[in-house]
Amino acid sequence: MNASLNATPSVETLYLSAPEAAELIRRKGLATCLAGVADYIRQDFGRWTAFDKSARVANHSRDGVIELMPIADDVTYSFKYVNGHPKNTRAGLPTVMAFGVLADVDTGIPKMLSELTLTTALRTAATSVVAARVLARPDSQVMALIGNGAQSEFQALAFHHLVGIQEVRLFDVDRVATAKLVANLRDSSLSVTVCSSTAEALRGADIVTTVTADKTNATILTSDMIAPGMHINAIGGDCPGKTELHADVLIGASVFVEYAPQTRIEGDIQQLPADFPVTELWEVLAGQRPGRVGPEQVTVFDSVGFALEDFSALRFMRDAAAELGLGERISLIPVMANPKDLFGVLHQPARATWPADLRGAMAPAAAH
């Protein structure tokens, strides 16, 4: 009998830390990574019916939310843990923090554990691009960017490199955030205009991206600001009680979503009746429903973030890490000679189950 048929599957897990994820993006280049994640998202949305889908599980508190976002096909299961706490910045912490897992469906072995804070910004921008390619006017060159926080650079550069945006018009109630964004875009070839209000930023814009953080029913955009032909990329409203668009903006537009059962609870369309008509993005990508049908049409991508996008982003980061030789192998699962004898692990030497390359790294540091 072939010995490989009786081989015990490896239970080691690829671990991609935040510093290594940043190194991966630096080495491949941000534009290349954005394009790669967008391609993986496009591929996976094309297999929409192959996935076991559900709305994310959310635990809300007064100041934020913690969520689990699971999804699986017949081969791979993934989940993301993610929070949203707008007040965190006052304590020097990110508003959004995340990590995720890819696991083998056949055995349940976690194959990859990765940071997803940085990667979530990549995948959100990449998803916006995938939608804009079928919903925005092909000649779009100017984007208004309302909300200049942690995700704004990724949005601006994704639309510049992958959609053809040449000018961004910026507004945020936090002028320090806007100054940060201007500084970070200084080395790009984007033309940057700082505006004094949302209405001013929208004048002359072809695409409008709203990415504000406050957990409140805000009204960032009103119908009098909207010009014929605009595409609105609304990504800041992503939980119950958190919106950015006045209901009239939605009523006067063609609205597209990721996964309607989740978006009706969390998106801007939570303001509207449950039968308000929307189109899921995968239907447009599959050619089953139209996206933009004319130059005067106003389109809204009411994006709340969906688990399939994280599945795609994790796949991209896994493949890119393998290509570049990044990441390390860790033992999340104990190694057992007898898989029924978990108790026996307690009698093994303390580091017997650690990968050899980790034993030295985990040795106690010399006193100094």
Protein backbone atom coordinates (compact mmCIF):
# COMPACT_ATOMS: atom_id res chain seq x y z
CA MET A 1 0.00 0.00 0.00
CA ASN A 2 1.20 3.53 -0.75
CA ALA A 3 2.62 4.88 2.48
CA SER A 4 1.33 8.35 1.65
CA LEU A 5 -2.25 7.10 1.97
CA ASN A 6 -1.64 6.43 5.66
CA ALA A 7 0.34 9.60 6.32
CA THR A 8 -0.99 11.84 9.08
CA PRO A 9 -1.95 15.23 7.66
CA SER A 10 0.19 18.14 8.84
CA VAL A 11 -1.50 20.14 11.57
CA GLU A 12 0.87 23.09 11.34
CA THR A 13 -0.71 26.43 10.55
CA LEU A 14 0.74 29.22 8.43
CA TYR A 15 0.83 32.39 10.55
CA LEU A 16 1.04 35.76 8.79
CA SER A 17 1.63 38.54 11.30
CA ALA A 18 0.85 42.21 10.80
CA PRO A 19 4.53 43.12 10.17
CA GLU A 20 4.84 40.31 7.62
CA ALA A 21 1.62 41.35 5.88
CA ALA A 22 3.02 44.86 5.59
CA GLU A 23 6.28 43.47 4.22
CA LEU A 24 4.34 41.39 1.69
CA ILE A 25 2.53 44.49 0.43
CA ARG A 26 5.77 46.50 0.28
CA ARG A 27 7.54 43.80 -1.71
CA LYS A 28 4.75 43.17 -4.18
CA GLY A 29 3.65 46.80 -4.35
CA LEU A 30 0.34 48.25 -3.20
CA ALA A 31 -1.13 48.56 -6.70
CA THR A 32 -0.25 44.95 -7.50
CA CYS A 33 -1.83 43.74 -4.25
CA LEU A 34 -4.99 45.77 -4.80
CA ALA A 35 -5.29 44.36 -8.33
CA GLY A 36 -4.62 40.84 -7.06
CA VAL A 37 -7.22 40.97 -4.30
CA ALA A 38 -9.73 42.45 -6.77
CA ASP A 39 -9.07 39.55 -9.16
CA TYR A 40 -9.59 36.98 -6.39
CA ILE A 41 -12.83 38.70 -5.32
CA ARG A 42 -14.03 38.73 -8.92
CA GLN A 43 -13.26 35.01 -9.24
CA ASP A 44 -15.04 34.08 -6.01
CA PHE A 45 -18.11 36.21 -6.70
CA GLY A 46 -18.25 34.31 -9.99
CA ARG A 47 -18.68 31.12 -7.89
CA TRP A 48 -21.37 32.67 -5.69
CA THR A 49 -23.66 29.63 -5.64
CA ALA A 50 -20.79 27.37 -4.51
CA PHE A 51 -20.63 29.05 -1.09
CA ASP A 52 -22.53 28.37 2.13
CA LYS A 53 -23.39 31.95 3.07
CA SER A 54 -24.84 33.68 6.11
CA ALA A 55 -24.99 37.15 7.58
CA ARG A 56 -22.28 37.84 10.11
CA VAL A 57 -22.81 37.31 13.83
CA ALA A 58 -22.58 40.62 15.69
CA ASN A 59 -22.34 41.51 19.36
CA HIS A 60 -23.14 45.19 19.88
CA SER A 61 -22.14 47.38 22.78
CA ARG A 62 -22.76 51.05 23.46
CA ASP A 63 -19.57 52.17 21.75
CA GLY A 64 -18.94 49.50 19.14
CA VAL A 65 -19.44 46.07 17.72
CA ILE A 66 -17.52 42.77 17.53
CA GLU A 67 -18.37 40.46 14.64
CA LEU A 68 -17.63 37.01 13.29
CA MET A 69 -17.89 36.56 9.51
CA PRO A 70 -17.94 32.91 8.36
CA ILE A 71 -18.23 31.39 4.87
CA ALA A 72 -17.23 28.14 3.15
CA ASP A 73 -17.23 26.27 -0.12
CA ASP A 74 -16.69 22.50 -0.43
CA VAL A 75 -12.93 22.80 0.13
CA THR A 76 -12.16 25.78 2.34
CA TYR A 77 -13.83 27.40 5.35
CA SER A 78 -12.91 30.88 6.52
CA PHE A 79 -13.92 33.36 9.15
CA LYS A 80 -12.94 36.86 10.14
CA TYR A 81 -13.04 38.32 13.63
CA VAL A 82 -13.45 42.09 13.36
CA ASN A 83 -14.46 44.97 15.59
CA GLY A 84 -15.64 48.51 15.01
CA HIS A 85 -15.05 50.95 17.86
CA PRO A 86 -14.91 54.58 16.67
CA LYS A 87 -13.81 55.87 20.10
CA ASN A 88 -10.66 53.72 20.00
CA THR A 89 -8.65 56.46 18.31
CA ARG A 90 -8.89 58.56 21.48
CA ALA A 91 -6.86 55.84 23.22
CA GLY A 92 -4.40 55.47 20.36
CA LEU A 93 -6.03 52.29 19.04
CA PRO A 94 -7.40 51.53 15.57
CA THR A 95 -11.14 51.78 15.01
CA VAL A 96 -11.05 48.43 13.20
CA MET A 97 -8.92 45.42 14.18
CA ALA A 98 -9.22 41.99 12.63
CA PHE A 99 -7.73 38.55 12.14
CA GLY A 100 -8.88 35.57 10.10
CA VAL A 101 -8.53 31.87 9.41
CA LEU A 102 -8.56 29.57 6.40
CA ALA A 103 -9.37 25.96 7.30
CA ASP A 104 -9.63 22.67 5.47
CA VAL A 105 -13.26 21.55 5.13
CA ASP A 106 -12.39 17.83 4.98
CA THR A 107 -10.46 17.75 8.27
CA GLY A 108 -11.17 21.06 10.00
CA ILE A 109 -7.43 21.78 10.25
CA PRO A 110 -6.72 25.54 10.39
CA LYS A 111 -4.34 26.05 7.48
CA MET A 112 -3.74 29.77 7.88
CA LEU A 113 -4.04 32.33 10.67
CA SER A 114 -3.53 35.88 9.50
CA GLU A 115 -3.82 39.49 10.53
CA LEU A 116 -6.72 41.12 8.69
CA THR A 117 -6.60 44.73 9.86
CA LEU A 118 -4.33 45.82 7.01
CA THR A 119 -5.77 43.20 4.69
CA THR A 120 -9.35 44.38 5.37
CA ALA A 121 -8.40 47.83 4.08
CA LEU A 122 -7.02 46.17 0.93
CA ARG A 123 -10.08 44.01 0.39
CA THR A 124 -12.54 46.86 1.04
CA ALA A 125 -10.83 49.04 -1.53
CA ALA A 126 -10.58 46.12 -3.96
CA THR A 127 -14.29 45.34 -3.57
CA SER A 128 -15.12 48.99 -4.22
CA VAL A 129 -13.13 48.76 -7.44
CA VAL A 130 -14.84 45.54 -8.55
CA ALA A 131 -18.20 47.26 -8.09
CA ALA A 132 -17.16 50.56 -9.68
CA ARG A 133 -15.95 48.81 -12.84
CA VAL A 134 -19.54 47.78 -13.60
CA LEU A 135 -21.46 50.61 -11.90
CA ALA A 136 -19.51 53.83 -12.48
CA ARG A 137 -19.29 55.68 -15.79
CA PRO A 138 -16.23 54.38 -17.71
CA ASP A 139 -14.96 57.95 -18.19
CA SER A 140 -14.94 58.76 -14.45
CA GLN A 141 -11.89 60.79 -13.42
CA VAL A 142 -12.86 62.72 -10.28
CA MET A 143 -13.72 61.17 -6.91
CA ALA A 144 -15.00 62.87 -3.77
CA LEU A 145 -13.71 61.13 -0.66
CA ILE A 146 -15.82 61.90 2.42
CA GLY A 147 -14.11 60.56 5.53
CA ASN A 148 -10.32 60.66 5.52
CA GLY A 149 -9.47 58.07 8.16
CA ALA A 150 -7.62 54.78 8.13
CA GLN A 151 -9.11 53.35 4.92
CA SER A 152 -9.05 56.51 2.82
CA GLU A 153 -5.60 56.09 1.27
CA PHE A 154 -6.45 52.58 0.11
CA GLN A 155 -9.67 53.80 -1.49
CA ALA A 156 -7.98 56.75 -3.22
CA LEU A 157 -5.09 54.70 -4.59
CA ALA A 158 -7.26 51.75 -5.62
CA PHE A 159 -9.50 54.02 -7.68
CA HIS A 160 -6.46 55.80 -9.10
CA HIS A 161 -4.55 52.69 -10.15
CA LEU A 162 -7.46 50.43 -11.12
CA VAL A 163 -10.33 52.71 -12.20
CA GLY A 164 -8.52 55.71 -13.66
CA ILE A 165 -9.40 58.41 -11.13
CA GLN A 166 -7.06 61.38 -11.58
CA GLU A 167 -8.37 63.82 -8.94
CA VAL A 168 -9.64 63.32 -5.40
CA ARG A 169 -11.65 65.97 -3.56
CA LEU A 170 -11.38 65.52 0.21
CA PHE A 171 -13.53 66.39 3.19
CA ASP A 172 -13.55 65.28 6.82
CA VAL A 173 -14.77 67.06 9.93
CA ASP A 174 -11.36 66.06 11.38
CA ARG A 175 -8.87 68.33 9.64
CA VAL A 176 -5.96 66.37 11.08
CA ALA A 177 -7.22 63.25 9.29
CA THR A 178 -7.41 65.17 6.02
CA ALA A 179 -3.86 66.52 6.50
CA LYS A 180 -2.67 62.95 7.10
CA LEU A 181 -4.33 61.78 3.88
CA VAL A 182 -2.86 64.65 1.87
CA ALA A 183 0.62 63.82 3.19
CA ASN A 184 0.25 60.13 2.39
CA LEU A 185 -0.90 60.87 -1.18
CA ARG A 186 1.92 63.35 -1.81
CA ASP A 187 4.06 60.86 -3.74
CA SER A 188 1.17 59.66 -5.90
CA SER A 189 0.24 61.23 -9.23
CA LEU A 190 -3.24 62.08 -7.95
CA SER A 191 -4.41 65.67 -7.97
CA VAL A 192 -5.65 66.41 -4.44
CA THR A 193 -8.13 69.16 -3.49
CA VAL A 194 -9.09 69.81 0.14
CA CYS A 195 -12.68 71.03 0.49
CA SER A 196 -14.51 72.81 3.29
CA SER A 197 -17.73 70.78 3.15
CA THR A 198 -19.25 67.61 1.75
CA ALA A 199 -21.28 69.62 -0.77
CA GLU A 200 -18.13 71.35 -2.04
CA ALA A 201 -16.29 68.03 -2.36
CA LEU A 202 -19.11 66.57 -4.46
CA ARG A 203 -19.13 69.38 -7.02
CA GLY A 204 -17.79 67.95 -10.26
CA ALA A 205 -17.26 64.44 -8.83
CA ASP A 206 -18.01 61.38 -10.95
CA ILE A 207 -17.64 58.94 -8.04
CA VAL A 208 -18.37 59.63 -4.37
CA THR A 209 -16.87 57.42 -1.67
CA THR A 210 -18.23 57.81 1.87
CA VAL A 211 -16.14 56.12 4.54
CA THR A 212 -17.04 57.71 7.86
CA ALA A 213 -16.68 55.91 11.19
CA ASP A 214 -19.21 57.22 13.70
CA LYS A 215 -21.74 54.64 14.89
CA THR A 216 -24.77 56.82 14.29
CA ASN A 217 -27.61 57.42 11.86
CA ALA A 218 -25.77 60.22 10.10
CA THR A 219 -26.83 62.01 6.94
CA ILE A 220 -23.60 62.61 5.04
CA LEU A 221 -25.15 62.84 1.58
CA THR A 222 -28.49 64.43 0.68
CA SER A 223 -30.30 64.28 -2.63
CA ASP A 224 -29.58 67.92 -3.52
CA MET A 225 -25.84 67.07 -3.64
CA ILE A 226 -26.26 64.27 -6.18
CA ALA A 227 -25.65 64.96 -9.87
CA PRO A 228 -26.89 62.77 -12.75
CA GLY A 229 -24.45 60.00 -13.61
CA MET A 230 -22.78 59.81 -10.19
CA HIS A 231 -21.69 56.52 -8.68
CA ILE A 232 -21.84 56.47 -4.87
CA ASN A 233 -19.54 54.02 -3.12
CA ALA A 234 -21.10 53.99 0.37
CA ILE A 235 -18.87 51.91 2.65
CA GLY A 236 -19.12 53.63 6.04
CA GLY A 237 -22.57 52.38 7.06
CA ASP A 238 -22.01 48.80 8.17
CA CYS A 239 -24.13 47.97 11.22
CA PRO A 240 -27.62 48.58 12.58
CA GLY A 241 -28.08 52.22 13.55
CA LYS A 242 -25.19 53.41 11.36
CA THR A 243 -25.98 55.14 8.07
CA GLU A 244 -24.50 57.81 5.79
CA LEU A 245 -27.05 58.46 3.03
CA HIS A 246 -30.41 60.22 3.27
CA ALA A 247 -33.17 57.81 2.24
CA ASP A 248 -34.04 60.03 -0.72
CA VAL A 249 -30.59 59.38 -2.22
CA LEU A 250 -31.33 55.66 -2.23
CA ILE A 251 -34.86 56.07 -3.56
CA GLY A 252 -33.57 58.11 -6.48
CA ALA A 253 -30.83 55.64 -7.44
CA SER A 254 -30.23 52.08 -8.56
CA VAL A 255 -28.92 50.31 -5.47
CA PHE A 256 -26.48 47.38 -5.48
CA VAL A 257 -25.42 45.30 -2.47
CA GLU A 258 -23.19 42.37 -1.61
CA TYR A 259 -25.55 40.03 0.26
CA ALA A 260 -29.06 41.42 0.65
CA PRO A 261 -30.03 39.60 3.90
CA GLN A 262 -27.06 41.23 5.64
CA THR A 263 -27.26 44.65 3.96
CA ARG A 264 -30.96 45.10 4.83
CA ILE A 265 -29.93 44.90 8.48
CA GLU A 266 -26.65 46.81 8.37
CA GLY A 267 -26.52 48.98 5.24
CA ASP A 268 -28.00 52.34 4.35
CA ILE A 269 -31.06 50.49 3.04
CA GLN A 270 -31.95 49.61 6.67
CA GLN A 271 -33.88 52.92 6.50
CA LEU A 272 -36.20 51.56 3.80
CA PRO A 273 -38.92 48.88 3.62
CA ALA A 274 -37.81 45.26 3.42
CA ASP A 275 -39.05 45.00 -0.16
CA PHE A 276 -37.04 47.98 -1.44
CA PRO A 277 -35.50 46.69 -4.71
CA VAL A 278 -31.78 46.00 -4.78
CA THR A 279 -29.44 43.99 -6.99
CA GLU A 280 -26.71 41.78 -5.57
CA LEU A 281 -23.30 42.51 -7.10
CA TRP A 282 -22.67 38.90 -8.09
CA GLU A 283 -25.71 39.01 -10.37
CA VAL A 284 -24.17 41.89 -12.32
CA LEU A 285 -20.76 40.24 -12.49
CA ALA A 286 -22.41 37.03 -13.77
CA GLY A 287 -24.34 38.94 -16.44
CA GLN A 288 -27.70 38.01 -14.94
CA ARG A 289 -28.74 41.59 -14.04
CA PRO A 290 -27.71 44.95 -15.52
CA GLY A 291 -25.33 47.30 -13.73
CA ARG A 292 -25.08 50.80 -15.15
CA VAL A 293 -27.45 51.16 -18.09
CA GLY A 294 -26.90 54.80 -19.06
CA PRO A 295 -24.74 57.90 -18.48
CA GLU A 296 -27.40 59.75 -16.43
CA GLN A 297 -28.15 56.88 -14.06
CA VAL A 298 -27.22 57.33 -10.40
CA THR A 299 -25.84 54.13 -8.88
CA VAL A 300 -25.21 53.31 -5.23
CA PHE A 301 -23.04 50.47 -3.97
CA ASP A 302 -24.36 50.03 -0.42
CA SER A 303 -21.38 48.05 0.81
CA VAL A 304 -21.20 46.68 4.35
CA GLY A 305 -18.42 44.15 3.80
CA PHE A 306 -19.17 40.46 3.26
CA ALA A 307 -17.32 37.33 4.37
CA LEU A 308 -16.63 36.18 0.80
CA GLU A 309 -14.40 39.22 0.30
CA ASP A 310 -12.29 38.17 3.29
CA PHE A 311 -12.19 34.59 1.98
CA SER A 312 -10.76 36.00 -1.26
CA ALA A 313 -8.30 38.30 0.48
CA LEU A 314 -7.02 35.49 2.70
CA ARG A 315 -6.48 33.31 -0.36
CA PHE A 316 -4.51 36.09 -2.04
CA MET A 317 -2.35 36.70 1.04
CA ARG A 318 -1.72 32.96 1.47
CA ASP A 319 -0.60 32.59 -2.15
CA ALA A 320 1.50 35.76 -2.05
CA ALA A 321 3.15 34.68 1.22
CA ALA A 322 4.06 31.33 -0.33
CA GLU A 323 5.50 33.10 -3.38
CA LEU A 324 7.67 35.41 -1.24
CA GLY A 325 8.56 32.91 1.48
CA LEU A 326 6.84 34.94 4.22
CA GLY A 327 5.01 33.72 7.30
CA GLU A 328 5.91 31.07 9.84
CA ARG A 329 4.56 27.69 10.85
CA ILE A 330 2.95 27.44 14.27
CA SER A 331 1.31 24.64 16.25
CA LEU A 332 -2.26 25.63 17.04
CA ILE A 333 -3.22 21.94 17.21
CA PRO A 334 -1.35 19.46 19.43
CA VAL A 335 0.49 16.61 17.74
CA MET A 336 -0.67 13.22 19.13
CA ALA A 337 0.73 9.79 18.38
CA ASN A 338 -2.71 8.46 19.29
CA PRO A 339 -5.43 10.90 18.15
CA LYS A 340 -7.71 9.61 20.92
CA ASP A 341 -5.18 10.34 23.65
CA LEU A 342 -5.36 14.11 24.10
CA PHE A 343 -4.55 13.67 27.79
CA GLY A 344 -1.22 12.14 26.79
CA VAL A 345 -0.07 15.50 25.44
CA LEU A 346 0.22 16.65 29.05
CA HIS A 347 3.05 14.13 29.57
CA GLN A 348 5.08 15.22 26.55
CA PRO A 349 8.10 17.51 26.97
CA ALA A 350 6.98 21.13 27.02
CA ARG A 351 8.23 21.92 23.51
CA ALA A 352 7.98 18.52 21.88
CA THR A 353 5.19 19.56 19.55
CA TRP A 354 6.69 22.89 18.50
CA PRO A 355 8.10 23.24 14.98
CA ALA A 356 11.89 23.19 15.10
CA ASP A 357 12.17 26.70 13.67
CA LEU A 358 10.10 28.09 16.54
CA ARG A 359 11.99 26.43 19.41
CA GLY A 360 14.92 28.79 19.23
CA ALA A 361 12.73 31.84 18.74
CA MET A 362 10.65 30.98 21.80
CA ALA A 363 13.65 30.37 24.11
CA PRO A 364 13.84 32.73 27.07
CA ALA A 365 15.70 35.94 26.29
CA ALA A 366 19.03 36.50 27.99
CA ALA A 367 18.90 38.90 30.90
CA HIS A 368 20.15 42.38 30.07
